[in-house]
Amino acid sequence: MSSIIIVGELNLDLIVTGVPRLPEPGEEVIVSAMELMLGSSSAILAAQLARLGDDVLFITKVGSDELGAKALDSLRQTGVPVGAVTVVPALPTGLTISVAVGTERAMLTQLGCIEEMRWEDVDFGAVRGRQHLHISSFYLQRNLRPDIGRIFERAHQMGLTTSLDTGWPTEEGINGDLDAVWPHVDVFLPNEAEAQRLSGASTVDHALSLLCERVPTVVVKLGPNGAIARRGGEIVASPGFVIDVVETTGAGDSFNGGFLHGHLAGWDLAGCLELGNTCGALSTRAVGGTTSHATLEEAMEFARSAPRRPAG
């Protein structure tokens, strides 16, 4: 069992499914369902790691509103302790409306407490003695972002390893913020589009090469086609699984959970990728980012028997 700290955002997702098309201004479109569920990259990752049996400390904030109460209750139900969650009376809890149209998603986000994590909220006394520190949603966490390099540097000084998933850049001209972060990141976990955007490369292979000049281990998620990773001179690709997809919210974050579980347990790169792909795939069996997370036993059994997608 690995001991992991996640510093990040906690919010809810209002997931809208069965959407024939997005409405034009002034138009109403009837949809199949709307469900209010636990969201945020950080919370979904925390829930997946807890489901795999890891010891997770989640440092985050929510508002004192009804959404915050539901977020805390939902987090407890996933097995993630809430003792490091700060309730902020003056701010609303973050909310994302996620609209699924076919295989694509459109999202609207109210930041609220999402952007209110700061350097002083990180309890380094609680960090001491743990194994690893992870941060997601680099671009959404506007007040934490300037200090993320310093947080990772402090974690390294305390003997922890680190990992980062930036998410998609939400503002222009801020990629330079990462310059102070790269030297202190051990594992970087972008998706294909993010890897190419952040590296300036036109292909995944080139992006992987460029990013590995900055970070020792880079893992690029390829959606249903699996993932590819590079660590030093070692490059490993792992195909995705064939599975009946219900909804894809949080699949990348669930992948991160599987990969980090294997990585911190000392698995080889191929095994880490396979567990990541398995957790990502199994998370799509139901609506919401945490409702169909796999245990380690379930993931291993699925990986043994499930058909793979063709390589490439």
Protein backbone atom coordinates (compact mmCIF):
# COMPACT_ATOMS: atom_id res chain seq x y z
CA MET A 1 0.00 0.00 0.00
CA SER A 2 1.43 3.34 -1.07
CA SER A 3 0.94 6.58 0.84
CA ILE A 4 -0.06 9.46 -1.43
CA ILE A 5 -0.94 13.12 -0.91
CA ILE A 6 -3.09 14.93 -3.45
CA VAL A 7 -3.25 18.72 -3.32
CA GLY A 8 -6.07 19.98 -5.47
CA GLU A 9 -9.63 20.84 -6.24
CA LEU A 10 -12.92 19.31 -5.09
CA ASN A 11 -16.15 20.00 -6.93
CA LEU A 12 -19.28 18.37 -8.29
CA ASP A 13 -20.15 17.47 -11.87
CA LEU A 14 -23.62 17.90 -13.30
CA ILE A 15 -23.44 15.30 -16.06
CA VAL A 16 -25.94 15.65 -18.89
CA THR A 17 -26.41 12.58 -21.09
CA GLY A 18 -28.56 11.60 -24.02
CA VAL A 19 -27.99 14.95 -25.72
CA PRO A 20 -28.92 14.86 -29.42
CA ARG A 21 -27.14 18.14 -30.09
CA LEU A 22 -26.18 21.36 -28.36
CA PRO A 23 -28.95 23.99 -28.40
CA GLU A 24 -28.77 27.18 -30.38
CA PRO A 25 -29.25 30.45 -28.43
CA GLY A 26 -32.87 30.71 -27.33
CA GLU A 27 -33.55 27.04 -28.04
CA GLU A 28 -34.46 24.22 -25.64
CA VAL A 29 -33.21 20.67 -26.26
CA ILE A 30 -34.63 17.68 -24.36
CA VAL A 31 -32.03 15.32 -22.89
CA SER A 32 -32.22 11.86 -21.33
CA ALA A 33 -30.77 12.53 -17.88
CA MET A 34 -28.92 14.93 -15.59
CA GLU A 35 -27.01 13.57 -12.59
CA LEU A 36 -25.16 15.52 -9.90
CA MET A 37 -22.05 13.56 -8.93
CA LEU A 38 -18.60 13.83 -7.39
CA GLY A 39 -16.25 15.51 -9.83
CA SER A 40 -12.82 17.13 -10.23
CA SER A 41 -9.63 15.52 -11.49
CA SER A 42 -8.10 15.48 -8.01
CA ALA A 43 -11.09 13.86 -6.30
CA ILE A 44 -11.56 11.23 -9.02
CA LEU A 45 -7.88 10.31 -8.77
CA ALA A 46 -8.09 10.15 -4.97
CA ALA A 47 -11.13 7.88 -5.19
CA GLN A 48 -9.45 5.52 -7.67
CA LEU A 49 -6.30 5.24 -5.55
CA ALA A 50 -8.39 4.53 -2.45
CA ARG A 51 -10.31 1.87 -4.38
CA LEU A 52 -7.01 0.22 -5.31
CA GLY A 53 -6.08 0.11 -1.62
CA ASP A 54 -3.69 3.04 -1.30
CA ASP A 55 -3.53 5.41 1.68
CA VAL A 56 -4.69 8.80 0.36
CA LEU A 57 -4.57 12.21 2.01
CA PHE A 58 -6.54 14.78 0.00
CA ILE A 59 -5.81 18.44 0.83
CA THR A 60 -8.57 20.59 -0.65
CA LYS A 61 -11.34 23.15 -0.06
CA VAL A 62 -15.11 23.32 -0.53
CA GLY A 63 -17.75 25.91 0.23
CA SER A 64 -20.20 25.64 3.12
CA ASP A 65 -23.12 25.39 0.67
CA GLU A 66 -25.26 22.38 -0.27
CA LEU A 67 -22.90 21.45 -3.08
CA GLY A 68 -20.01 21.36 -0.62
CA ALA A 69 -21.93 19.09 1.76
CA LYS A 70 -22.76 16.72 -1.09
CA ALA A 71 -19.14 16.75 -2.29
CA LEU A 72 -17.89 15.82 1.19
CA ASP A 73 -20.48 13.06 1.59
CA SER A 74 -19.65 11.67 -1.85
CA LEU A 75 -15.94 11.74 -1.09
CA ARG A 76 -16.49 9.81 2.16
CA GLN A 77 -18.44 7.17 0.24
CA THR A 78 -15.43 6.53 -2.00
CA GLY A 79 -13.27 5.75 1.02
CA VAL A 80 -11.19 8.94 0.87
CA PRO A 81 -10.74 10.58 4.32
CA VAL A 82 -12.05 14.16 4.54
CA GLY A 83 -9.99 15.33 7.51
CA ALA A 84 -7.78 17.54 5.33
CA VAL A 85 -10.72 19.23 3.58
CA THR A 86 -11.23 22.87 4.58
CA VAL A 87 -14.78 24.25 4.45
CA VAL A 88 -14.80 27.91 3.36
CA PRO A 89 -17.95 29.84 4.33
CA ALA A 90 -17.54 32.77 1.96
CA LEU A 91 -17.13 30.94 -1.35
CA PRO A 92 -19.28 28.60 -3.44
CA THR A 93 -18.24 25.04 -4.17
CA GLY A 94 -17.03 24.53 -7.72
CA LEU A 95 -19.39 23.00 -10.26
CA THR A 96 -18.85 21.68 -13.78
CA ILE A 97 -21.71 21.06 -16.20
CA SER A 98 -20.56 18.28 -18.52
CA VAL A 99 -22.67 17.76 -21.63
CA ALA A 100 -22.06 14.55 -23.57
CA VAL A 101 -22.91 14.74 -27.27
CA GLY A 102 -21.99 11.46 -28.90
CA THR A 103 -18.37 10.72 -27.99
CA GLU A 104 -17.56 14.39 -27.34
CA ARG A 105 -18.09 16.49 -24.22
CA ALA A 106 -18.68 20.20 -23.72
CA MET A 107 -18.08 21.65 -20.27
CA LEU A 108 -18.97 24.78 -18.34
CA THR A 109 -17.23 25.37 -14.99
CA GLN A 110 -17.92 27.69 -12.07
CA LEU A 111 -14.56 27.80 -10.27
CA GLY A 112 -15.62 28.88 -6.78
CA CYS A 113 -13.28 27.10 -4.35
CA ILE A 114 -11.47 25.34 -7.21
CA GLU A 115 -9.13 28.30 -7.63
CA GLU A 116 -8.74 29.04 -3.91
CA MET A 117 -6.07 26.53 -2.91
CA ARG A 118 -2.83 28.34 -1.95
CA TRP A 119 0.69 27.62 -0.71
CA GLU A 120 -0.34 28.24 2.91
CA ASP A 121 -3.07 25.57 2.66
CA VAL A 122 -0.49 22.80 2.21
CA ASP A 123 0.22 21.24 5.61
CA PHE A 124 3.80 20.03 5.22
CA GLY A 125 3.60 18.42 8.63
CA ALA A 126 1.03 16.03 7.15
CA VAL A 127 3.23 15.54 4.09
CA ARG A 128 6.18 14.30 6.14
CA GLY A 129 6.64 10.55 6.13
CA ARG A 130 4.52 9.95 3.04
CA GLN A 131 5.73 8.53 -0.26
CA HIS A 132 4.37 10.68 -3.07
CA LEU A 133 2.68 14.02 -3.82
CA HIS A 134 0.43 14.63 -6.84
CA ILE A 135 -1.19 17.77 -8.26
CA SER A 136 -3.82 17.88 -11.01
CA SER A 137 -5.63 20.76 -12.74
CA PHE A 138 -2.58 23.03 -12.89
CA TYR A 139 -4.40 25.63 -14.97
CA LEU A 140 -7.64 25.73 -12.96
CA GLN A 141 -5.82 26.21 -9.65
CA ARG A 142 -4.93 29.83 -10.33
CA ASN A 143 -3.84 30.79 -6.81
CA LEU A 144 -1.87 27.60 -6.24
CA ARG A 145 -0.23 27.61 -9.68
CA PRO A 146 2.56 30.14 -8.94
CA ASP A 147 3.76 27.99 -6.01
CA ILE A 148 3.44 24.47 -7.44
CA GLY A 149 7.13 24.33 -8.31
CA ARG A 150 7.97 25.35 -4.74
CA ILE A 151 5.56 22.74 -3.34
CA PHE A 152 7.16 19.99 -5.41
CA GLU A 153 10.65 21.18 -4.48
CA ARG A 154 9.72 21.04 -0.78
CA ALA A 155 8.25 17.56 -1.27
CA HIS A 156 11.51 16.39 -2.85
CA GLN A 157 13.46 17.81 0.06
CA MET A 158 11.24 15.77 2.38
CA GLY A 159 11.92 12.57 0.42
CA LEU A 160 8.68 12.34 -1.61
CA THR A 161 8.38 11.77 -5.33
CA THR A 162 5.99 13.91 -7.38
CA SER A 163 3.60 13.77 -10.31
CA LEU A 164 1.62 16.31 -12.33
CA ASP A 165 -1.38 16.33 -14.63
CA THR A 166 -1.88 19.87 -15.93
CA GLY A 167 -5.21 19.47 -17.71
CA TRP A 168 -5.95 21.61 -20.74
CA PRO A 169 -4.63 25.20 -20.69
CA THR A 170 -7.58 27.49 -19.96
CA GLU A 171 -5.73 30.74 -20.65
CA GLU A 172 -3.36 31.88 -23.36
CA GLY A 173 0.29 32.63 -22.71
CA ILE A 174 0.72 30.82 -19.39
CA ASN A 175 2.71 27.75 -20.43
CA GLY A 176 5.77 29.59 -19.13
CA ASP A 177 4.42 29.04 -15.62
CA LEU A 178 5.60 25.44 -15.98
CA ASP A 179 9.25 26.41 -16.35
CA ALA A 180 9.64 26.59 -12.57
CA VAL A 181 7.76 23.31 -12.12
CA TRP A 182 9.45 20.92 -14.58
CA PRO A 183 12.68 20.47 -12.55
CA HIS A 184 10.68 19.11 -9.62
CA VAL A 185 8.32 16.69 -11.47
CA ASP A 186 9.08 12.95 -11.54
CA VAL A 187 6.05 11.78 -13.54
CA PHE A 188 4.03 13.83 -16.03
CA LEU A 189 0.62 12.50 -17.16
CA PRO A 190 -0.87 14.53 -20.05
CA ASN A 191 -3.29 13.34 -22.70
CA GLU A 192 -2.38 13.41 -26.37
CA ALA A 193 -3.66 16.92 -27.10
CA GLU A 194 -2.08 18.38 -23.95
CA ALA A 195 1.28 16.74 -24.67
CA GLN A 196 1.39 18.22 -28.16
CA ARG A 197 0.16 21.63 -27.01
CA LEU A 198 2.68 21.91 -24.18
CA SER A 199 5.64 20.61 -26.20
CA GLY A 200 4.81 22.36 -29.47
CA ALA A 201 5.17 19.02 -31.28
CA SER A 202 2.92 17.85 -34.11
CA THR A 203 3.09 14.14 -33.19
CA VAL A 204 2.83 12.17 -29.96
CA ASP A 205 6.25 10.56 -30.48
CA HIS A 206 7.92 13.95 -30.87
CA ALA A 207 6.00 15.35 -27.88
CA LEU A 208 7.15 12.40 -25.78
CA SER A 209 10.75 13.02 -26.78
CA LEU A 210 10.63 16.74 -26.02
CA LEU A 211 8.81 16.36 -22.69
CA CYS A 212 11.28 13.70 -21.52
CA GLU A 213 13.99 16.34 -21.77
CA ARG A 214 12.20 17.99 -18.85
CA VAL A 215 10.66 15.13 -16.83
CA PRO A 216 12.13 11.66 -16.12
CA THR A 217 8.90 9.75 -16.81
CA VAL A 218 6.26 10.97 -19.26
CA VAL A 219 3.00 9.11 -19.86
CA VAL A 220 0.74 10.19 -22.72
CA LYS A 221 -2.88 9.01 -22.56
CA LEU A 222 -4.39 8.14 -25.93
CA GLY A 223 -8.04 7.67 -24.92
CA PRO A 224 -9.51 4.39 -26.20
CA ASN A 225 -6.21 3.61 -27.95
CA GLY A 226 -4.36 3.15 -24.66
CA ALA A 227 -1.20 5.00 -23.67
CA ILE A 228 2.49 5.37 -24.38
CA ALA A 229 5.23 6.19 -21.91
CA ARG A 230 8.93 6.97 -21.90
CA ARG A 231 11.39 6.73 -19.04
CA GLY A 232 14.96 7.46 -20.02
CA GLY A 233 15.66 5.42 -23.13
CA GLU A 234 12.77 3.01 -22.49
CA ILE A 235 9.60 3.56 -24.55
CA VAL A 236 6.54 1.34 -23.97
CA ALA A 237 3.15 1.47 -25.69
CA SER A 238 0.09 -0.31 -24.33
CA PRO A 239 -3.13 -0.71 -26.36
CA GLY A 240 -6.54 0.08 -24.93
CA PHE A 241 -9.30 -2.41 -24.19
CA VAL A 242 -12.52 -3.13 -26.04
CA ILE A 243 -15.35 -2.16 -23.69
CA ASP A 244 -18.93 -0.91 -23.95
CA VAL A 245 -18.59 2.72 -22.93
CA VAL A 246 -21.43 4.38 -21.03
CA GLU A 247 -19.78 7.71 -20.19
CA THR A 248 -16.16 8.89 -20.08
CA THR A 249 -15.98 11.51 -17.30
CA GLY A 250 -12.79 11.04 -15.30
CA ALA A 251 -11.39 8.18 -17.39
CA GLY A 252 -8.02 9.93 -17.66
CA ASP A 253 -7.91 10.56 -13.92
CA SER A 254 -8.78 6.92 -13.26
CA PHE A 255 -5.94 5.97 -15.62
CA ASN A 256 -3.63 8.16 -13.52
CA GLY A 257 -4.70 6.26 -10.42
CA GLY A 258 -3.88 2.91 -11.96
CA PHE A 259 -0.55 4.06 -13.34
CA LEU A 260 0.56 5.72 -10.10
CA HIS A 261 -0.48 2.69 -8.04
CA GLY A 262 1.78 0.48 -10.12
CA HIS A 263 4.57 3.05 -10.32
CA LEU A 264 4.74 3.53 -6.55
CA ALA A 265 4.62 -0.22 -6.00
CA GLY A 266 7.73 -0.60 -8.15
CA TRP A 267 6.11 -2.20 -11.20
CA ASP A 268 7.77 -2.03 -14.59
CA LEU A 269 6.56 0.54 -17.13
CA ALA A 270 4.48 -1.97 -19.10
CA GLY A 271 2.63 -3.11 -15.98
CA CYS A 272 1.93 0.47 -14.90
CA LEU A 273 0.49 1.30 -18.32
CA GLU A 274 -1.68 -1.80 -18.35
CA LEU A 275 -3.16 -1.05 -14.93
CA GLY A 276 -3.72 2.56 -15.99
CA ASN A 277 -5.52 1.46 -19.16
CA THR A 278 -7.58 -1.04 -17.18
CA CYS A 279 -8.70 1.49 -14.55
CA GLY A 280 -9.49 4.06 -17.23
CA ALA A 281 -11.54 1.60 -19.25
CA LEU A 282 -13.50 0.23 -16.30
CA SER A 283 -14.36 3.75 -15.12
CA THR A 284 -16.44 4.24 -18.30
CA ARG A 285 -18.96 1.51 -17.39
CA ALA A 286 -21.31 3.98 -15.69
CA VAL A 287 -22.12 7.68 -15.58
CA GLY A 288 -19.74 9.73 -13.43
CA GLY A 289 -16.06 9.66 -12.66
CA THR A 290 -16.16 7.45 -9.53
CA THR A 291 -19.22 5.21 -9.80
CA SER A 292 -17.51 2.25 -11.50
CA HIS A 293 -13.95 2.33 -10.19
CA ALA A 294 -12.28 -1.06 -10.09
CA THR A 295 -10.53 -2.70 -7.17
CA LEU A 296 -7.06 -4.08 -7.88
CA GLU A 297 -8.46 -7.62 -8.04
CA GLU A 298 -11.18 -6.58 -10.51
CA ALA A 299 -8.66 -4.70 -12.64
CA MET A 300 -6.26 -7.63 -12.80
CA GLU A 301 -9.03 -10.05 -13.75
CA PHE A 302 -10.31 -7.71 -16.48
CA ALA A 303 -6.79 -7.28 -17.90
CA ARG A 304 -6.37 -11.06 -18.10
CA SER A 305 -9.55 -11.65 -20.08
CA ALA A 306 -10.65 -8.51 -21.93
CA PRO A 307 -9.98 -8.10 -25.67
CA ARG A 308 -7.48 -5.42 -26.71
CA ARG A 309 -7.80 -2.82 -29.39
CA PRO A 310 -5.47 -3.18 -32.37
CA ALA A 311 -2.09 -1.55 -31.76
CA GLY A 312 -1.59 1.88 -33.37
